[in-house]
């Protein structure tokens, strides 16, 4: 089969499995079509995607005109599978989806759940049925990122198949550095209202021998720095760190906490598990789906500092066991959420083979 990924940008959270798809014996060719390499705002967050263009097994098509897209779709006698990043998440991807309707190809969407941080779910239902329901008959399957996304797209239609799906990050074979006696808790992400780092600082009030390392920047930074001093939390604000250096930062820590009020997924959870960190996230993060095994991590009730405080207190009591399980988490990640594992799973889904969801 020929796979054509129509994406809004070059995502480091999808390239690891797309690269591996190109190596599979069932796949003849992989194209990656995009209107831009990345968004300007991500450069200020430490993202750098240019090197991802060096993948030799993928043919990248940047800013194609409509005729170029038609040429990709019009290959007689080939089994062409088109995978779009949602339906309307990006104007160019939406345009390419409409162009594909004139060709004999199979279509799938890869999508996060509806964004409910500032809009209730019922509004998304109304919008979908008014604007997008007409596309359902043209779409063969949905790769739904997170359980809430699965439920949503299952409820839309029985016509298409809905496959559980996740984001994927790179794997790194590294030994952890020697850790200090203090327990080291890490946060990586923007310092915004939605990411809710405030609840993490509140939860750490009164904890002893715990170091909080905060990677990232944003409009809430000053407020959080003031709060950490007020609560006497041992917090180090590291600012923006380049994406390529994040694994090195993770190696220095025991636990990652993602306290978001809402996250469609939260790929930093994948990164942390790959590095062997124990993970704590709110129950409003899609990546909570990876934490069914208590050796991997645990969730807490969204925006409840007392609940998170209790979780962190338990971690301090069991830190020796958590540290011993570090290699277990790394091995589990390599087996179940690596680029190789997810590419195999995706191709099984496309080929209607017996499907074993590796991370569940």
Protein backbone atom coordinates (compact mmCIF):
# COMPACT_ATOMS: atom_id res chain seq x y z
CA UNK A 1 0.00 0.00 0.00
CA UNK A 2 0.99 3.64 -0.42
CA UNK A 3 0.51 5.83 2.65
CA UNK A 4 -0.04 9.57 2.31
CA UNK A 5 -0.06 11.53 5.56
CA UNK A 6 -1.72 14.94 5.22
CA UNK A 7 -0.58 16.89 8.28
CA UNK A 8 -0.76 20.51 9.41
CA UNK A 9 2.99 20.51 10.21
CA UNK A 10 5.96 18.24 10.78
CA UNK A 11 5.21 16.75 14.18
CA UNK A 12 7.98 15.09 16.21
CA UNK A 13 5.19 13.20 17.96
CA UNK A 14 4.19 11.39 14.76
CA UNK A 15 7.39 11.05 12.72
CA UNK A 16 8.73 8.15 14.88
CA UNK A 17 5.96 5.77 13.79
CA UNK A 18 5.61 7.18 10.25
CA UNK A 19 9.31 6.51 9.71
CA UNK A 20 8.82 2.89 10.78
CA UNK A 21 5.75 2.50 8.53
CA UNK A 22 8.03 3.20 5.56
CA UNK A 23 10.17 0.19 6.56
CA UNK A 24 7.24 -2.25 6.71
CA UNK A 25 7.01 -4.91 3.99
CA UNK A 26 3.33 -4.07 3.44
CA UNK A 27 4.15 -0.47 2.53
CA UNK A 28 5.48 0.53 -0.88
CA UNK A 29 5.88 4.27 -0.28
CA UNK A 30 5.22 6.92 2.34
CA UNK A 31 4.47 10.58 1.55
CA UNK A 32 4.19 13.34 4.15
CA UNK A 33 2.25 16.34 2.82
CA UNK A 34 2.22 19.59 4.81
CA UNK A 35 1.63 23.33 4.34
CA UNK A 36 4.46 24.31 6.75
CA UNK A 37 7.34 22.69 8.59
CA UNK A 38 6.28 24.14 11.91
CA UNK A 39 4.50 27.05 13.58
CA UNK A 40 6.63 30.06 14.54
CA UNK A 41 5.43 30.02 18.15
CA UNK A 42 6.92 26.58 18.73
CA UNK A 43 10.44 27.81 18.09
CA UNK A 44 10.14 29.87 21.27
CA UNK A 45 9.10 26.72 23.13
CA UNK A 46 12.28 24.85 22.21
CA UNK A 47 10.87 22.98 19.22
CA UNK A 48 13.12 22.44 16.20
CA UNK A 49 11.78 20.24 13.41
CA UNK A 50 14.11 20.96 10.50
CA UNK A 51 16.20 17.85 11.13
CA UNK A 52 13.13 15.68 10.82
CA UNK A 53 13.23 16.40 7.08
CA UNK A 54 16.34 14.24 6.85
CA UNK A 55 14.31 11.03 7.07
CA UNK A 56 15.38 9.14 3.89
CA UNK A 57 12.44 6.71 3.85
CA UNK A 58 9.77 9.43 3.70
CA UNK A 59 9.08 11.70 0.73
CA UNK A 60 8.15 15.11 2.10
CA UNK A 61 5.88 17.35 0.04
CA UNK A 62 5.88 20.94 1.32
CA UNK A 63 3.24 23.50 0.28
CA UNK A 64 1.95 21.57 -2.75
CA UNK A 65 -0.51 23.16 -5.16
CA UNK A 66 -3.74 21.36 -5.98
CA UNK A 67 -2.30 19.74 -9.12
CA UNK A 68 0.54 18.18 -7.14
CA UNK A 69 -1.92 16.71 -4.67
CA UNK A 70 -4.00 15.28 -7.51
CA UNK A 71 -0.88 13.66 -8.95
CA UNK A 72 -0.19 11.93 -5.66
CA UNK A 73 -3.75 10.61 -5.47
CA UNK A 74 -4.05 9.55 -9.11
CA UNK A 75 -1.86 6.43 -9.25
CA UNK A 76 -3.82 3.80 -11.15
CA UNK A 77 -3.93 0.31 -9.67
CA UNK A 78 -2.34 1.26 -6.33
CA UNK A 79 -3.80 0.77 -2.88
CA UNK A 80 -3.62 4.35 -1.58
CA UNK A 81 -4.41 5.11 2.05
CA UNK A 82 -4.76 8.78 2.97
CA UNK A 83 -4.42 9.78 6.62
CA UNK A 84 -5.58 13.31 7.42
CA UNK A 85 -4.89 15.20 10.66
CA UNK A 86 -8.54 15.72 11.47
CA UNK A 87 -11.15 17.21 9.16
CA UNK A 88 -11.10 20.97 9.88
CA UNK A 89 -8.13 21.39 12.20
CA UNK A 90 -6.20 23.01 9.34
CA UNK A 91 -7.52 24.78 6.21
CA UNK A 92 -5.00 23.13 3.88
CA UNK A 93 -5.65 19.65 5.21
CA UNK A 94 -9.39 20.27 4.82
CA UNK A 95 -8.82 21.36 1.21
CA UNK A 96 -6.76 18.24 0.48
CA UNK A 97 -9.48 16.06 2.01
CA UNK A 98 -11.99 17.59 -0.40
CA UNK A 99 -9.65 17.03 -3.35
CA UNK A 100 -9.30 13.35 -2.37
CA UNK A 101 -13.06 12.83 -2.76
CA UNK A 102 -12.55 12.73 -6.53
CA UNK A 103 -10.22 9.72 -6.33
CA UNK A 104 -10.51 6.01 -5.54
CA UNK A 105 -8.58 6.03 -2.26
CA UNK A 106 -9.30 5.05 1.32
CA UNK A 107 -9.43 7.85 3.86
CA UNK A 108 -8.73 7.97 7.58
CA UNK A 109 -8.40 10.77 10.08
CA UNK A 110 -5.91 10.97 12.94
CA UNK A 111 -7.35 13.23 15.58
CA UNK A 112 -7.40 14.38 19.19
CA UNK A 113 -10.68 14.67 21.11
CA UNK A 114 -12.75 17.86 20.82
CA UNK A 115 -11.16 20.77 22.66
CA UNK A 116 -13.35 21.12 25.73
CA UNK A 117 -11.15 23.45 27.78
CA UNK A 118 -13.24 26.47 26.78
CA UNK A 119 -16.18 24.91 24.88
CA UNK A 120 -18.54 22.22 26.21
CA UNK A 121 -18.80 18.92 24.35
CA UNK A 122 -22.37 19.51 23.16
CA UNK A 123 -21.19 22.50 21.08
CA UNK A 124 -18.73 20.23 19.28
CA UNK A 125 -21.53 17.76 18.53
CA UNK A 126 -23.72 20.50 17.07
CA UNK A 127 -20.90 21.89 14.95
CA UNK A 128 -19.92 18.42 13.67
CA UNK A 129 -23.44 17.47 12.63
CA UNK A 130 -24.01 20.84 10.95
CA UNK A 131 -20.66 21.04 9.13
CA UNK A 132 -18.91 17.68 8.95
CA UNK A 133 -21.39 14.84 9.16
CA UNK A 134 -21.59 14.79 5.36
CA UNK A 135 -17.95 13.60 5.29
CA UNK A 136 -18.57 10.49 7.39
CA UNK A 137 -19.52 8.33 4.39
CA UNK A 138 -16.17 9.12 2.76
CA UNK A 139 -14.01 8.22 5.77
CA UNK A 140 -13.09 4.60 6.40
CA UNK A 141 -11.62 4.96 9.86
CA UNK A 142 -10.67 7.23 12.72
CA UNK A 143 -7.42 6.91 14.65
CA UNK A 144 -8.67 8.44 17.89
CA UNK A 145 -6.05 9.77 20.31
CA UNK A 146 -7.21 8.93 23.82
CA UNK A 147 -10.24 7.14 25.26
CA UNK A 148 -12.45 10.25 25.32
CA UNK A 149 -11.74 10.71 21.61
CA UNK A 150 -12.70 7.07 20.96
CA UNK A 151 -16.02 7.54 22.73
CA UNK A 152 -16.77 10.73 20.85
CA UNK A 153 -16.16 9.33 17.37
CA UNK A 154 -17.89 6.04 18.16
CA UNK A 155 -20.96 8.10 19.09
CA UNK A 156 -20.86 10.06 15.81
CA UNK A 157 -21.34 7.13 13.46
CA UNK A 158 -21.37 3.33 13.21
CA UNK A 159 -20.17 3.54 9.62
CA UNK A 160 -16.50 4.16 10.25
CA UNK A 161 -14.10 2.12 12.32
CA UNK A 162 -12.61 3.81 15.35
CA UNK A 163 -9.12 2.71 16.37
CA UNK A 164 -7.49 3.71 19.68
CA UNK A 165 -4.38 5.73 18.96
CA UNK A 166 -1.63 7.71 20.67
CA UNK A 167 1.19 10.12 19.98
CA UNK A 168 4.69 8.68 19.81
CA UNK A 169 8.05 10.12 20.83
CA UNK A 170 11.61 9.08 20.11
CA UNK A 171 13.28 6.34 22.14
CA UNK A 172 16.73 6.86 23.65
CA UNK A 173 18.91 4.11 25.08
CA UNK A 174 20.58 5.86 27.99
CA UNK A 175 21.47 4.93 31.51
CA UNK A 176 20.04 7.29 34.15
CA UNK A 177 22.50 9.65 35.80
CA UNK A 178 23.25 9.37 39.49
CA UNK A 179 20.41 10.96 41.41
CA UNK A 180 20.69 13.17 44.46
CA UNK A 181 19.23 12.02 47.78
CA UNK A 182 16.42 14.51 47.26
CA UNK A 183 13.42 13.26 45.30
CA UNK A 184 13.33 15.14 42.01
CA UNK A 185 9.98 16.04 40.46
CA UNK A 186 9.88 17.43 36.92
CA UNK A 187 7.38 19.50 34.98
CA UNK A 188 7.88 20.12 31.24
CA UNK A 189 5.58 22.41 29.26
CA UNK A 190 4.26 25.91 28.93
CA UNK A 191 3.53 27.97 32.02
CA UNK A 192 -0.04 28.77 31.04
CA UNK A 193 -3.39 28.67 32.81
CA UNK A 194 -4.39 25.44 31.04
CA UNK A 195 -1.26 23.60 32.15
CA UNK A 196 -2.12 24.44 35.77
CA UNK A 197 1.35 24.28 37.33
CA UNK A 198 -0.11 26.24 40.24
CA UNK A 199 -1.82 23.12 41.58
CA UNK A 200 1.52 21.28 41.55
CA UNK A 201 3.22 23.99 43.62
CA UNK A 202 0.26 24.05 46.03
CA UNK A 203 0.47 20.27 46.39
CA UNK A 204 4.18 20.42 47.24
CA UNK A 205 3.68 22.78 50.16
CA UNK A 206 5.09 21.12 53.27
CA UNK A 207 6.89 18.30 51.43
CA UNK A 208 10.48 17.84 52.53
CA UNK A 209 13.50 16.58 50.59
CA UNK A 210 11.68 17.14 47.29
CA UNK A 211 13.13 19.24 44.47
CA UNK A 212 10.77 20.61 41.81
CA UNK A 213 12.35 21.31 38.41
CA UNK A 214 10.21 23.34 36.01
CA UNK A 215 11.11 23.37 32.32
CA UNK A 216 9.23 25.88 30.19
CA UNK A 217 8.08 29.47 30.10
CA UNK A 218 4.88 31.45 29.74
CA UNK A 219 2.64 34.17 31.09
CA UNK A 220 2.23 32.53 34.51
CA UNK A 221 5.95 32.24 35.28
CA UNK A 222 6.27 35.23 37.61
CA UNK A 223 3.11 34.29 39.50
CA UNK A 224 4.41 30.74 39.95
CA UNK A 225 7.83 31.92 41.12
CA UNK A 226 6.18 34.10 43.76
CA UNK A 227 3.90 31.26 44.85
CA UNK A 228 6.76 28.78 45.20
CA UNK A 229 8.61 31.20 47.51
CA UNK A 230 5.46 31.88 49.51
CA UNK A 231 4.92 28.15 50.06
CA UNK A 232 8.65 27.48 50.62
CA UNK A 233 8.71 24.97 47.78
CA UNK A 234 12.20 24.07 46.57
CA UNK A 235 11.57 24.97 42.92
CA UNK A 236 14.05 25.62 40.14
CA UNK A 237 12.65 27.44 37.09
CA UNK A 238 14.87 26.36 34.19
CA UNK A 239 13.11 28.29 31.42
CA UNK A 240 12.91 27.08 27.84
CA UNK A 241 15.00 24.03 27.02
CA UNK A 242 15.55 22.83 23.45
CA UNK A 243 13.50 19.75 22.63
CA UNK A 244 16.62 17.73 21.84
CA UNK A 245 17.89 18.38 25.38
CA UNK A 246 14.70 17.33 27.19
CA UNK A 247 15.79 13.65 27.52
CA UNK A 248 18.92 14.80 29.35
CA UNK A 249 16.79 16.81 31.78
CA UNK A 250 14.50 13.85 32.33
CA UNK A 251 17.43 11.61 33.18
CA UNK A 252 18.13 13.79 36.22
CA UNK A 253 14.65 13.32 37.72
CA UNK A 254 12.53 10.64 39.36
CA UNK A 255 8.98 11.70 38.60
CA UNK A 256 7.17 13.71 35.93
CA UNK A 257 3.97 15.54 36.83
CA UNK A 258 1.53 16.84 34.19
CA UNK A 259 -1.22 18.72 36.09
CA UNK A 260 -3.13 20.12 33.09
CA UNK A 261 -6.73 21.27 33.42
CA UNK A 262 -7.07 19.81 29.91
CA UNK A 263 -4.71 18.04 27.51
CA UNK A 264 -5.90 16.23 24.40
CA UNK A 265 -3.00 13.88 24.99
CA UNK A 266 0.25 15.18 26.53
CA UNK A 267 3.20 13.62 24.68
CA UNK A 268 5.59 14.57 27.48
CA UNK A 269 4.14 11.54 29.30
CA UNK A 270 5.43 9.28 26.52
CA UNK A 271 8.84 10.93 26.73
CA UNK A 272 9.00 10.51 30.49
CA UNK A 273 8.03 6.84 30.44
CA UNK A 274 10.59 6.19 27.73
CA UNK A 275 13.23 7.69 30.04
CA UNK A 276 11.98 5.53 32.90
CA UNK A 277 10.32 8.27 34.96
CA UNK A 278 7.32 7.55 37.10
CA UNK A 279 4.42 9.68 35.81
CA UNK A 280 1.64 11.54 37.58
CA UNK A 281 -1.00 13.35 35.53
CA UNK A 282 -4.46 14.78 36.04
CA UNK A 283 -7.46 12.76 34.95
CA UNK A 284 -8.11 15.37 32.25
CA UNK A 285 -4.99 14.40 30.28
CA UNK A 286 -5.49 11.98 27.40
CA UNK A 287 -2.16 10.32 28.18
CA UNK A 288 -3.63 8.95 31.41
CA UNK A 289 -4.55 5.99 29.19
CA UNK A 290 -0.93 4.85 29.43
CA UNK A 291 -1.03 4.56 33.24
CA UNK A 292 -3.15 1.44 33.75
CA UNK A 293 -0.12 -0.31 35.22
CA UNK A 294 0.64 1.22 38.63
CA UNK A 295 4.36 0.65 38.09
CA UNK A 296 4.16 3.26 35.31
CA UNK A 297 2.34 6.00 37.16
CA UNK A 298 -0.94 7.27 38.57
CA UNK A 299 -3.57 9.96 38.01
CA UNK A 300 -5.07 12.48 40.40
CA UNK A 301 -8.38 14.32 40.39
CA UNK A 302 -8.25 17.36 38.15
CA UNK A 303 -7.32 20.61 39.92
CA UNK A 304 -7.43 18.98 43.38
CA UNK A 305 -4.23 19.98 45.16
CA UNK A 306 -5.07 17.80 48.17
CA UNK A 307 -5.39 14.73 45.98
CA UNK A 308 -2.11 15.49 44.22
CA UNK A 309 -0.45 16.17 47.58
CA UNK A 310 -1.50 12.73 48.79
CA UNK A 311 -0.06 11.17 45.62
CA UNK A 312 3.25 12.99 46.10
CA UNK A 313 3.36 11.99 49.77
CA UNK A 314 2.96 8.34 48.77
CA UNK A 315 5.77 8.77 46.23
CA UNK A 316 8.13 10.03 48.94
CA UNK A 317 7.34 6.93 51.01
CA UNK A 318 7.90 4.56 48.08
CA UNK A 319 10.69 6.31 46.21
CA UNK A 320 13.11 3.38 46.54
CA UNK A 321 10.69 1.05 44.73
CA UNK A 322 9.89 3.71 42.14
CA UNK A 323 13.58 4.12 41.39
CA UNK A 324 14.08 0.35 41.12
CA UNK A 325 11.26 0.17 38.55
CA UNK A 326 12.88 2.73 36.26
CA UNK A 327 14.21 0.12 33.85
CA UNK A 328 10.82 -1.61 33.84
CA UNK A 329 9.19 1.58 32.57
CA UNK A 330 11.81 2.05 29.86
CA UNK A 331 11.43 -1.53 28.64
CA UNK A 332 7.63 -1.30 28.70
CA UNK A 333 7.78 1.87 26.61
CA UNK A 334 10.09 0.34 24.02
CA UNK A 335 7.80 -2.67 23.65
CA UNK A 336 4.44 -0.90 23.68
CA UNK A 337 4.62 2.78 22.68
CA UNK A 338 7.73 3.04 20.48
CA UNK A 339 7.66 4.02 16.81
CA UNK A 340 8.10 0.36 15.83
CA UNK A 341 5.22 -0.83 18.04
CA UNK A 342 2.78 1.84 16.88
CA UNK A 343 3.67 1.52 13.17
CA UNK A 344 2.98 -2.22 13.33
CA UNK A 345 -0.32 -1.54 15.08
CA UNK A 346 -1.36 1.14 12.54
CA UNK A 347 -0.64 -1.14 9.58
CA UNK A 348 -2.61 -3.94 11.23
CA UNK A 349 -5.55 -1.54 11.54
CA UNK A 350 -5.27 -0.51 7.88
CA UNK A 351 -5.03 -4.12 6.78
CA UNK A 352 -8.01 -5.31 8.85
CA UNK A 353 -5.78 -7.87 10.55
CA UNK A 354 -6.14 -9.15 14.10
CA UNK A 355 -5.51 -6.01 16.10
CA UNK A 356 -3.74 -6.00 19.45
CA UNK A 357 -3.59 -2.54 20.97
CA UNK A 358 -0.08 -2.61 22.47
CA UNK A 359 -0.45 -0.08 25.27
CA UNK A 360 -3.77 -1.31 26.71
